[in-house]
Amino acid sequence: MIGQIIRLKIQEGKEDAFESLVAQLAKDVAANEPGSIYDIRRIKGEPLTYFYFISFPDHAAYNRYMTADYHQQMSPKAVAMLDGEPVFEDLETFC
């Protein structure tokens, strides 16, 4: 399994647009990527800060996600809404 967590902050006033984008991406992943997990949450008490948990069954699934049209179309729009650089952390499976 390939896993990653991402913490990011968006610009004030962009919440609705950002949440709409990532909600659609979550639907696209669920419909097109069996076995993949795409979960995003707001950080409690920090309404502009979000935490992603993404997991893929293997490297091929991760590569399909990264090159999927829906991901390629959403990413630049979401990046334009960021306030600072996101923090990416790769996860290791241990059990």
PDB file of N, CA and C in Angstrom:
ATOM      1  N   MET A   1       0.834  -1.182   0.000  1.00  0.00           N
ATOM      2  CA  MET A   1       0.000   0.000   0.000  1.00  0.00           C
ATOM      3  C   MET A   1       0.879   1.245   0.000  1.00  0.00           C
ATOM      4  N   ILE A   2       0.409   2.242  -0.677  1.00  0.00           N
ATOM      5  CA  ILE A   2       1.069   3.542  -0.735  1.00  0.00           C
ATOM      6  C   ILE A   2       0.188   4.516   0.039  1.00  0.00           C
ATOM      7  N   GLY A   3       0.735   5.189   1.037  1.00  0.00           N
ATOM      8  CA  GLY A   3      -0.056   6.121   1.827  1.00  0.00           C
ATOM      9  C   GLY A   3       0.651   7.443   1.997  1.00  0.00           C
ATOM     10  N   GLN A   4      -0.147   8.473   2.163  1.00  0.00           N
ATOM     11  CA  GLN A   4       0.407   9.814   2.341  1.00  0.00           C
ATOM     12  C   GLN A   4      -0.592  10.643   3.139  1.00  0.00           C
ATOM     13  N   ILE A   5      -0.060  11.515   3.981  1.00  0.00           N
ATOM     14  CA  ILE A   5      -0.894  12.525   4.607  1.00  0.00           C
ATOM     15  C   ILE A   5      -0.399  13.882   4.125  1.00  0.00           C
ATOM     16  N   ILE A   6      -1.335  14.789   3.980  1.00  0.00           N
ATOM     17  CA  ILE A   6      -1.024  16.130   3.486  1.00  0.00           C
ATOM     18  C   ILE A   6      -1.768  17.120   4.371  1.00  0.00           C
ATOM     19  N   ARG A   7      -1.056  18.091   4.880  1.00  0.00           N
ATOM     20  CA  ARG A   7      -1.668  19.162   5.666  1.00  0.00           C
ATOM     21  C   ARG A   7      -1.504  20.436   4.864  1.00  0.00           C
ATOM     22  N   LEU A   8      -2.608  21.172   4.702  1.00  0.00           N
ATOM     23  CA  LEU A   8      -2.532  22.407   3.929  1.00  0.00           C
ATOM     24  C   LEU A   8      -3.486  23.448   4.476  1.00  0.00           C
ATOM     25  N   LYS A   9      -3.171  24.681   4.181  1.00  0.00           N
ATOM     26  CA  LYS A   9      -4.006  25.811   4.582  1.00  0.00           C
ATOM     27  C   LYS A   9      -4.422  26.534   3.317  1.00  0.00           C
ATOM     28  N   ILE A  10      -5.688  26.974   3.289  1.00  0.00           N
ATOM     29  CA  ILE A  10      -6.168  27.705   2.124  1.00  0.00           C
ATOM     30  C   ILE A  10      -6.409  29.165   2.487  1.00  0.00           C
ATOM     31  N   GLN A  11      -6.532  29.978   1.458  1.00  0.00           N
ATOM     32  CA  GLN A  11      -6.765  31.404   1.637  1.00  0.00           C
ATOM     33  C   GLN A  11      -8.173  31.647   2.182  1.00  0.00           C
ATOM     34  N   GLU A  12      -8.272  32.619   3.065  1.00  0.00           N
ATOM     35  CA  GLU A  12      -9.575  32.985   3.615  1.00  0.00           C
ATOM     36  C   GLU A  12     -10.519  33.384   2.483  1.00  0.00           C
ATOM     37  N   GLY A  13     -11.755  32.940   2.578  1.00  0.00           N
ATOM     38  CA  GLY A  13     -12.753  33.231   1.562  1.00  0.00           C
ATOM     39  C   GLY A  13     -12.816  32.198   0.449  1.00  0.00           C
ATOM     40  N   LYS A  14     -11.893  31.246   0.448  1.00  0.00           N
ATOM     41  CA  LYS A  14     -11.848  30.215  -0.602  1.00  0.00           C
ATOM     42  C   LYS A  14     -12.427  28.879  -0.131  1.00  0.00           C
ATOM     43  N   GLU A  15     -12.965  28.846   1.084  1.00  0.00           N
ATOM     44  CA  GLU A  15     -13.403  27.588   1.676  1.00  0.00           C
ATOM     45  C   GLU A  15     -14.418  26.846   0.811  1.00  0.00           C
ATOM     46  N   ASP A  16     -15.471  27.527   0.391  1.00  0.00           N
ATOM     47  CA  ASP A  16     -16.531  26.862  -0.374  1.00  0.00           C
ATOM     48  C   ASP A  16     -16.011  26.322  -1.700  1.00  0.00           C
ATOM     49  N   ALA A  17     -15.242  27.116  -2.403  1.00  0.00           N
ATOM     50  CA  ALA A  17     -14.707  26.680  -3.696  1.00  0.00           C
ATOM     51  C   ALA A  17     -13.756  25.498  -3.512  1.00  0.00           C
ATOM     52  N   PHE A  18     -12.901  25.564  -2.501  1.00  0.00           N
ATOM     53  CA  PHE A  18     -11.957  24.480  -2.245  1.00  0.00           C
ATOM     54  C   PHE A  18     -12.694  23.198  -1.877  1.00  0.00           C
ATOM     55  N   GLU A  19     -13.651  23.308  -0.975  1.00  0.00           N
ATOM     56  CA  GLU A  19     -14.385  22.122  -0.545  1.00  0.00           C
ATOM     57  C   GLU A  19     -15.187  21.511  -1.686  1.00  0.00           C
ATOM     58  N   SER A  20     -15.698  22.330  -2.566  1.00  0.00           N
ATOM     59  CA  SER A  20     -16.408  21.822  -3.740  1.00  0.00           C
ATOM     60  C   SER A  20     -15.460  21.033  -4.644  1.00  0.00           C
ATOM     61  N   LEU A  21     -14.272  21.575  -4.873  1.00  0.00           N
ATOM     62  CA  LEU A  21     -13.274  20.882  -5.701  1.00  0.00           C
ATOM     63  C   LEU A  21     -12.883  19.528  -5.125  1.00  0.00           C
ATOM     64  N   VAL A  22     -12.544  19.510  -3.847  1.00  0.00           N
ATOM     65  CA  VAL A  22     -12.069  18.251  -3.272  1.00  0.00           C
ATOM     66  C   VAL A  22     -13.202  17.250  -3.080  1.00  0.00           C
ATOM     67  N   ALA A  23     -14.426  17.728  -2.875  1.00  0.00           N
ATOM     68  CA  ALA A  23     -15.568  16.808  -2.791  1.00  0.00           C
ATOM     69  C   ALA A  23     -15.768  16.101  -4.124  1.00  0.00           C
ATOM     70  N   GLN A  24     -15.637  16.844  -5.220  1.00  0.00           N
ATOM     71  CA  GLN A  24     -15.767  16.218  -6.536  1.00  0.00           C
ATOM     72  C   GLN A  24     -14.624  15.241  -6.784  1.00  0.00           C
ATOM     73  N   LEU A  25     -13.415  15.607  -6.376  1.00  0.00           N
ATOM     74  CA  LEU A  25     -12.284  14.695  -6.541  1.00  0.00           C
ATOM     75  C   LEU A  25     -12.512  13.411  -5.745  1.00  0.00           C
ATOM     76  N   ALA A  26     -13.025  13.529  -4.534  1.00  0.00           N
ATOM     77  CA  ALA A  26     -13.304  12.341  -3.725  1.00  0.00           C
ATOM     78  C   ALA A  26     -14.315  11.435  -4.426  1.00  0.00           C
ATOM     79  N   LYS A  27     -15.337  12.023  -5.038  1.00  0.00           N
ATOM     80  CA  LYS A  27     -16.323  11.238  -5.796  1.00  0.00           C
ATOM     81  C   LYS A  27     -15.665  10.556  -6.991  1.00  0.00           C
ATOM     82  N   ASP A  28     -14.807  11.275  -7.690  1.00  0.00           N
ATOM     83  CA  ASP A  28     -14.116  10.703  -8.851  1.00  0.00           C
ATOM     84  C   ASP A  28     -13.221   9.535  -8.443  1.00  0.00           C
ATOM     85  N   VAL A  29     -12.504   9.699  -7.347  1.00  0.00           N
ATOM     86  CA  VAL A  29     -11.641   8.620  -6.865  1.00  0.00           C
ATOM     87  C   VAL A  29     -12.491   7.406  -6.493  1.00  0.00           C
ATOM     88  N   ALA A  30     -13.575   7.623  -5.754  1.00  0.00           N
ATOM     89  CA  ALA A  30     -14.437   6.512  -5.342  1.00  0.00           C
ATOM     90  C   ALA A  30     -15.014   5.771  -6.548  1.00  0.00           C
ATOM     91  N   ALA A  31     -15.370   6.511  -7.592  1.00  0.00           N
ATOM     92  CA  ALA A  31     -15.995   5.910  -8.772  1.00  0.00           C
ATOM     93  C   ALA A  31     -14.998   5.202  -9.685  1.00  0.00           C
ATOM     94  N   ASN A  32     -13.754   5.656  -9.695  1.00  0.00           N
ATOM     95  CA  ASN A  32     -12.795   5.177 -10.693  1.00  0.00           C
ATOM     96  C   ASN A  32     -11.586   4.427 -10.155  1.00  0.00           C
ATOM     97  N   GLU A  33     -11.401   4.410  -8.853  1.00  0.00           N
ATOM     98  CA  GLU A  33     -10.175   3.845  -8.296  1.00  0.00           C
ATOM     99  C   GLU A  33     -10.473   2.863  -7.161  1.00  0.00           C
ATOM    100  N   PRO A  34     -10.904   1.652  -7.521  1.00  0.00           N
ATOM    101  CA  PRO A  34     -11.206   0.670  -6.481  1.00  0.00           C
ATOM    102  C   PRO A  34      -9.997   0.410  -5.584  1.00  0.00           C
ATOM    103  N   GLY A  35     -10.252   0.360  -4.287  1.00  0.00           N
ATOM    104  CA  GLY A  35      -9.180   0.080  -3.336  1.00  0.00           C
ATOM    105  C   GLY A  35      -8.423   1.301  -2.862  1.00  0.00           C
ATOM    106  N   SER A  36      -8.667   2.452  -3.483  1.00  0.00           N
ATOM    107  CA  SER A  36      -7.992   3.682  -3.066  1.00  0.00           C
ATOM    108  C   SER A  36      -8.846   4.408  -2.032  1.00  0.00           C
ATOM    109  N   ILE A  37      -8.181   5.111  -1.131  1.00  0.00           N
ATOM    110  CA  ILE A  37      -8.865   5.895  -0.101  1.00  0.00           C
ATOM    111  C   ILE A  37      -8.451   7.345  -0.273  1.00  0.00           C
ATOM    112  N   TYR A  38      -9.432   8.224  -0.302  1.00  0.00           N
ATOM    113  CA  TYR A  38      -9.189   9.658  -0.413  1.00  0.00           C
ATOM    114  C   TYR A  38     -10.082  10.310   0.625  1.00  0.00           C
ATOM    115  N   ASP A  39      -9.513  10.731   1.724  1.00  0.00           N
ATOM    116  CA  ASP A  39     -10.281  11.277   2.842  1.00  0.00           C
ATOM    117  C   ASP A  39      -9.687  12.626   3.213  1.00  0.00           C
ATOM    118  N   ILE A  40     -10.518  13.646   3.244  1.00  0.00           N
ATOM    119  CA  ILE A  40     -10.040  14.980   3.614  1.00  0.00           C
ATOM    120  C   ILE A  40     -10.941  15.540   4.702  1.00  0.00           C
ATOM    121  N   ARG A  41     -10.311  16.180   5.669  1.00  0.00           N
ATOM    122  CA  ARG A  41     -11.032  16.742   6.814  1.00  0.00           C
ATOM    123  C   ARG A  41     -10.512  18.143   7.088  1.00  0.00           C
ATOM    124  N   ARG A  42     -11.385  18.953   7.696  1.00  0.00           N
ATOM    125  CA  ARG A  42     -10.936  20.235   8.248  1.00  0.00           C
ATOM    126  C   ARG A  42     -10.350  19.961   9.632  1.00  0.00           C
ATOM    127  N   ILE A  43      -9.340  20.727   9.995  1.00  0.00           N
ATOM    128  CA  ILE A  43      -8.776  20.618  11.335  1.00  0.00           C
ATOM    129  C   ILE A  43      -9.706  21.370  12.289  1.00  0.00           C
ATOM    130  N   LYS A  44     -10.150  20.695  13.327  1.00  0.00           N
ATOM    131  CA  LYS A  44     -11.068  21.300  14.295  1.00  0.00           C
ATOM    132  C   LYS A  44     -10.418  22.533  14.921  1.00  0.00           C
ATOM    133  N   GLY A  45     -11.132  23.646  14.890  1.00  0.00           N
ATOM    134  CA  GLY A  45     -10.620  24.891  15.451  1.00  0.00           C
ATOM    135  C   GLY A  45      -9.737  25.685  14.497  1.00  0.00           C
ATOM    136  N   GLU A  46      -9.446  25.124  13.326  1.00  0.00           N
ATOM    137  CA  GLU A  46      -8.642  25.803  12.306  1.00  0.00           C
ATOM    138  C   GLU A  46      -9.392  25.703  10.978  1.00  0.00           C
ATOM    139  N   PRO A  47     -10.392  26.551  10.761  1.00  0.00           N
ATOM    140  CA  PRO A  47     -11.292  26.377   9.614  1.00  0.00           C
ATOM    141  C   PRO A  47     -10.644  26.505   8.236  1.00  0.00           C
ATOM    142  N   LEU A  48      -9.441  26.995   8.157  1.00  0.00           N
ATOM    143  CA  LEU A  48      -8.766  27.118   6.861  1.00  0.00           C
ATOM    144  C   LEU A  48      -7.710  26.033   6.650  1.00  0.00           C
ATOM    145  N   THR A  49      -7.588  25.122   7.601  1.00  0.00           N
ATOM    146  CA  THR A  49      -6.560  24.088   7.534  1.00  0.00           C
ATOM    147  C   THR A  49      -7.206  22.726   7.317  1.00  0.00           C
ATOM    148  N   TYR A  50      -6.666  22.004   6.352  1.00  0.00           N
ATOM    149  CA  TYR A  50      -7.214  20.708   5.951  1.00  0.00           C
ATOM    150  C   TYR A  50      -6.140  19.636   6.060  1.00  0.00           C
ATOM    151  N   PHE A  51      -6.605  18.409   6.240  1.00  0.00           N
ATOM    152  CA  PHE A  51      -5.742  17.253   6.396  1.00  0.00           C
ATOM    153  C   PHE A  51      -6.254  16.170   5.457  1.00  0.00           C
ATOM    154  N   TYR A  52      -5.415  15.734   4.554  1.00  0.00           N
ATOM    155  CA  TYR A  52      -5.758  14.655   3.628  1.00  0.00           C
ATOM    156  C   TYR A  52      -5.131  13.362   4.124  1.00  0.00           C
ATOM    157  N   PHE A  53      -5.854  12.272   3.967  1.00  0.00           N
ATOM    158  CA  PHE A  53      -5.276  10.937   4.073  1.00  0.00           C
ATOM    159  C   PHE A  53      -5.587  10.253   2.756  1.00  0.00           C
ATOM    160  N   ILE A  54      -4.549   9.845   2.044  1.00  0.00           N
ATOM    161  CA  ILE A  54      -4.750   9.130   0.785  1.00  0.00           C
ATOM    162  C   ILE A  54      -3.974   7.824   0.845  1.00  0.00           C
ATOM    163  N   SER A  55      -4.582   6.788   0.280  1.00  0.00           N
ATOM    164  CA  SER A  55      -3.960   5.473   0.283  1.00  0.00           C
ATOM    165  C   SER A  55      -4.312   4.760  -1.015  1.00  0.00           C
ATOM    166  N   PHE A  56      -3.328   4.076  -1.563  1.00  0.00           N
ATOM    167  CA  PHE A  56      -3.495   3.368  -2.835  1.00  0.00           C
ATOM    168  C   PHE A  56      -2.995   1.941  -2.668  1.00  0.00           C
ATOM    169  N   PRO A  57      -3.641   0.976  -3.341  1.00  0.00           N
ATOM    170  CA  PRO A  57      -3.247  -0.424  -3.180  1.00  0.00           C
ATOM    171  C   PRO A  57      -1.812  -0.716  -3.620  1.00  0.00           C
ATOM    172  N   ASP A  58      -1.308   0.047  -4.593  1.00  0.00           N
ATOM    173  CA  ASP A  58       0.038  -0.204  -5.112  1.00  0.00           C
ATOM    174  C   ASP A  58       0.512   1.015  -5.904  1.00  0.00           C
ATOM    175  N   HIS A  59       1.750   0.941  -6.394  1.00  0.00           N
ATOM    176  CA  HIS A  59       2.318   2.066  -7.147  1.00  0.00           C
ATOM    177  C   HIS A  59       1.548   2.344  -8.435  1.00  0.00           C
ATOM    178  N   ALA A  60       1.053   1.305  -9.077  1.00  0.00           N
ATOM    179  CA  ALA A  60       0.286   1.498 -10.315  1.00  0.00           C
ATOM    180  C   ALA A  60      -0.977   2.309 -10.039  1.00  0.00           C
ATOM    181  N   ALA A  61      -1.658   2.029  -8.931  1.00  0.00           N
ATOM    182  CA  ALA A  61      -2.866   2.783  -8.569  1.00  0.00           C
ATOM    183  C   ALA A  61      -2.516   4.238  -8.266  1.00  0.00           C
ATOM    184  N   TYR A  62      -1.404   4.457  -7.566  1.00  0.00           N
ATOM    185  CA  TYR A  62      -0.956   5.823  -7.279  1.00  0.00           C
ATOM    186  C   TYR A  62      -0.674   6.578  -8.581  1.00  0.00           C
ATOM    187  N   ASN A  63       0.006   5.926  -9.501  1.00  0.00           N
ATOM    188  CA  ASN A  63       0.320   6.566 -10.785  1.00  0.00           C
ATOM    189  C   ASN A  63      -0.940   6.874 -11.586  1.00  0.00           C
ATOM    190  N   ARG A  64      -1.928   5.973 -11.553  1.00  0.00           N
ATOM    191  CA  ARG A  64      -3.198   6.242 -12.245  1.00  0.00           C
ATOM    192  C   ARG A  64      -3.876   7.472 -11.655  1.00  0.00           C
ATOM    193  N   TYR A  65      -3.861   7.589 -10.337  1.00  0.00           N
ATOM    194  CA  TYR A  65      -4.454   8.746  -9.665  1.00  0.00           C
ATOM    195  C   TYR A  65      -3.749  10.035 -10.088  1.00  0.00           C
ATOM    196  N   MET A  66      -2.431  10.016 -10.047  1.00  0.00           N
ATOM    197  CA  MET A  66      -1.667  11.225 -10.355  1.00  0.00           C
ATOM    198  C   MET A  66      -1.851  11.684 -11.798  1.00  0.00           C
ATOM    199  N   THR A  67      -2.124  10.758 -12.699  1.00  0.00           N
ATOM    200  CA  THR A  67      -2.258  11.110 -14.115  1.00  0.00           C
ATOM    201  C   THR A  67      -3.709  11.164 -14.590  1.00  0.00           C
ATOM    202  N   ALA A  68      -4.657  10.868 -13.712  1.00  0.00           N
ATOM    203  CA  ALA A  68      -6.073  10.898 -14.090  1.00  0.00           C
ATOM    204  C   ALA A  68      -6.485  12.316 -14.492  1.00  0.00           C
ATOM    205  N   ASP A  69      -7.319  12.419 -15.506  1.00  0.00           N
ATOM    206  CA  ASP A  69      -7.789  13.726 -15.977  1.00  0.00           C
ATOM    207  C   ASP A  69      -8.402  14.544 -14.847  1.00  0.00           C
ATOM    208  N   TYR A  70      -9.238  13.918 -14.025  1.00  0.00           N
ATOM    209  CA  TYR A  70      -9.908  14.661 -12.953  1.00  0.00           C
ATOM    210  C   TYR A  70      -8.910  15.205 -11.938  1.00  0.00           C
ATOM    211  N   HIS A  71      -7.832  14.476 -11.665  1.00  0.00           N
ATOM    212  CA  HIS A  71      -6.806  14.981 -10.751  1.00  0.00           C
ATOM    213  C   HIS A  71      -6.013  16.110 -11.405  1.00  0.00           C
ATOM    214  N   GLN A  72      -5.653  15.936 -12.655  1.00  0.00           N
ATOM    215  CA  GLN A  72      -4.892  16.951 -13.388  1.00  0.00           C
ATOM    216  C   GLN A  72      -5.682  18.252 -13.528  1.00  0.00           C
ATOM    217  N   GLN A  73      -6.987  18.162 -13.700  1.00  0.00           N
ATOM    218  CA  GLN A  73      -7.814  19.361 -13.846  1.00  0.00           C
ATOM    219  C   GLN A  73      -8.034  20.063 -12.510  1.00  0.00           C
ATOM    220  N   MET A  74      -8.147  19.307 -11.423  1.00  0.00           N
ATOM    221  CA  MET A  74      -8.419  19.887 -10.119  1.00  0.00           C
ATOM    222  C   MET A  74      -7.185  20.513  -9.489  1.00  0.00           C
ATOM    223  N   SER A  75      -6.036  19.893  -9.641  1.00  0.00           N
ATOM    224  CA  SER A  75      -4.840  20.309  -8.904  1.00  0.00           C
ATOM    225  C   SER A  75      -4.462  21.778  -9.068  1.00  0.00           C
ATOM    226  N   PRO A  76      -4.362  22.321 -10.292  1.00  0.00           N
ATOM    227  CA  PRO A  76      -3.972  23.732 -10.400  1.00  0.00           C
ATOM    228  C   PRO A  76      -4.983  24.681  -9.756  1.00  0.00           C
ATOM    229  N   LYS A  77      -6.252  24.312  -9.816  1.00  0.00           N
ATOM    230  CA  LYS A  77      -7.289  25.149  -9.191  1.00  0.00           C
ATOM    231  C   LYS A  77      -7.122  25.152  -7.676  1.00  0.00           C
ATOM    232  N   ALA A  78      -6.871  23.981  -7.104  1.00  0.00           N
ATOM    233  CA  ALA A  78      -6.691  23.889  -5.656  1.00  0.00           C
ATOM    234  C   ALA A  78      -5.406  24.587  -5.218  1.00  0.00           C
ATOM    235  N   VAL A  79      -4.338  24.405  -5.961  1.00  0.00           N
ATOM    236  CA  VAL A  79      -3.056  25.041  -5.623  1.00  0.00           C
ATOM    237  C   VAL A  79      -3.203  26.561  -5.593  1.00  0.00           C
ATOM    238  N   ALA A  80      -4.003  27.115  -6.491  1.00  0.00           N
ATOM    239  CA  ALA A  80      -4.210  28.568  -6.536  1.00  0.00           C
ATOM    240  C   ALA A  80      -4.912  29.082  -5.278  1.00  0.00           C
ATOM    241  N   MET A  81      -5.545  28.202  -4.526  1.00  0.00           N
ATOM    242  CA  MET A  81      -6.262  28.606  -3.312  1.00  0.00           C
ATOM    243  C   MET A  81      -5.435  28.437  -2.043  1.00  0.00           C
ATOM    244  N   LEU A  82      -4.242  27.874  -2.158  1.00  0.00           N
ATOM    245  CA  LEU A  82      -3.423  27.611  -0.979  1.00  0.00           C
ATOM    246  C   LEU A  82      -2.875  28.893  -0.370  1.00  0.00           C
ATOM    247  N   ASP A  83      -2.687  28.838   0.933  1.00  0.00           N
ATOM    248  CA  ASP A  83      -2.013  29.893   1.679  1.00  0.00           C
ATOM    249  C   ASP A  83      -0.737  29.258   2.234  1.00  0.00           C
ATOM    250  N   GLY A  84       0.319  29.307   1.455  1.00  0.00           N
ATOM    251  CA  GLY A  84       1.572  28.671   1.850  1.00  0.00           C
ATOM    252  C   GLY A  84       1.726  27.305   1.213  1.00  0.00           C
ATOM    253  N   GLU A  85       2.812  26.661   1.557  1.00  0.00           N
ATOM    254  CA  GLU A  85       3.142  25.353   0.992  1.00  0.00           C
ATOM    255  C   GLU A  85       2.480  24.238   1.797  1.00  0.00           C
ATOM    256  N   PRO A  86       1.941  23.233   1.124  1.00  0.00           N
ATOM    257  CA  PRO A  86       1.416  22.078   1.859  1.00  0.00           C
ATOM    258  C   PRO A  86       2.561  21.240   2.428  1.00  0.00           C
ATOM    259  N   VAL A  87       2.252  20.481   3.454  1.00  0.00           N
ATOM    260  CA  VAL A  87       3.223  19.573   4.066  1.00  0.00           C
ATOM    261  C   VAL A  87       2.814  18.148   3.702  1.00  0.00           C
ATOM    262  N   PHE A  88       3.705  17.439   3.008  1.00  0.00           N
ATOM    263  CA  PHE A  88       3.470  16.063   2.572  1.00  0.00           C
ATOM    264  C   PHE A  88       4.285  15.122   3.450  1.00  0.00           C
ATOM    265  N   GLU A  89       3.661  14.035   3.874  1.00  0.00           N
ATOM    266  CA  GLU A  89       4.380  13.005   4.615  1.00  0.00           C
ATOM    267  C   GLU A  89       3.993  11.644   4.064  1.00  0.00           C
ATOM    268  N   ASP A  90       5.000  10.871   3.664  1.00  0.00           N
ATOM    269  CA  ASP A  90       4.765   9.517   3.186  1.00  0.00           C
ATOM    270  C   ASP A  90       4.619   8.584   4.382  1.00  0.00           C
ATOM    271  N   LEU A  91       3.725   7.622   4.244  1.00  0.00           N
ATOM    272  CA  LEU A  91       3.452   6.669   5.312  1.00  0.00           C
ATOM    273  C   LEU A  91       4.024   5.301   4.963  1.00  0.00           C
ATOM    274  N   GLU A  92       4.407   4.565   5.986  1.00  0.00           N
ATOM    275  CA  GLU A  92       4.897   3.198   5.813  1.00  0.00           C
ATOM    276  C   GLU A  92       3.886   2.228   6.413  1.00  0.00           C
ATOM    277  N   THR A  93       3.644   1.143   5.704  1.00  0.00           N
ATOM    278  CA  THR A  93       2.797   0.083   6.235  1.00  0.00           C
ATOM    279  C   THR A  93       3.651  -0.819   7.110  1.00  0.00           C
ATOM    280  N   PHE A  94       3.165  -1.122   8.311  1.00  0.00           N
ATOM    281  CA  PHE A  94       3.945  -1.992   9.186  1.00  0.00           C
ATOM    282  C   PHE A  94       3.162  -3.213   9.648  1.00  0.00           C
ATOM    283  N   CYS A  95       1.879  -3.270   9.381  1.00  0.00           N
ATOM    284  CA  CYS A  95       1.113  -4.472   9.741  1.00  0.00           C
ATOM    285  C   CYS A  95      -0.061  -4.638   8.794  1.00  0.00           C
TER     286      CYS A  95
END
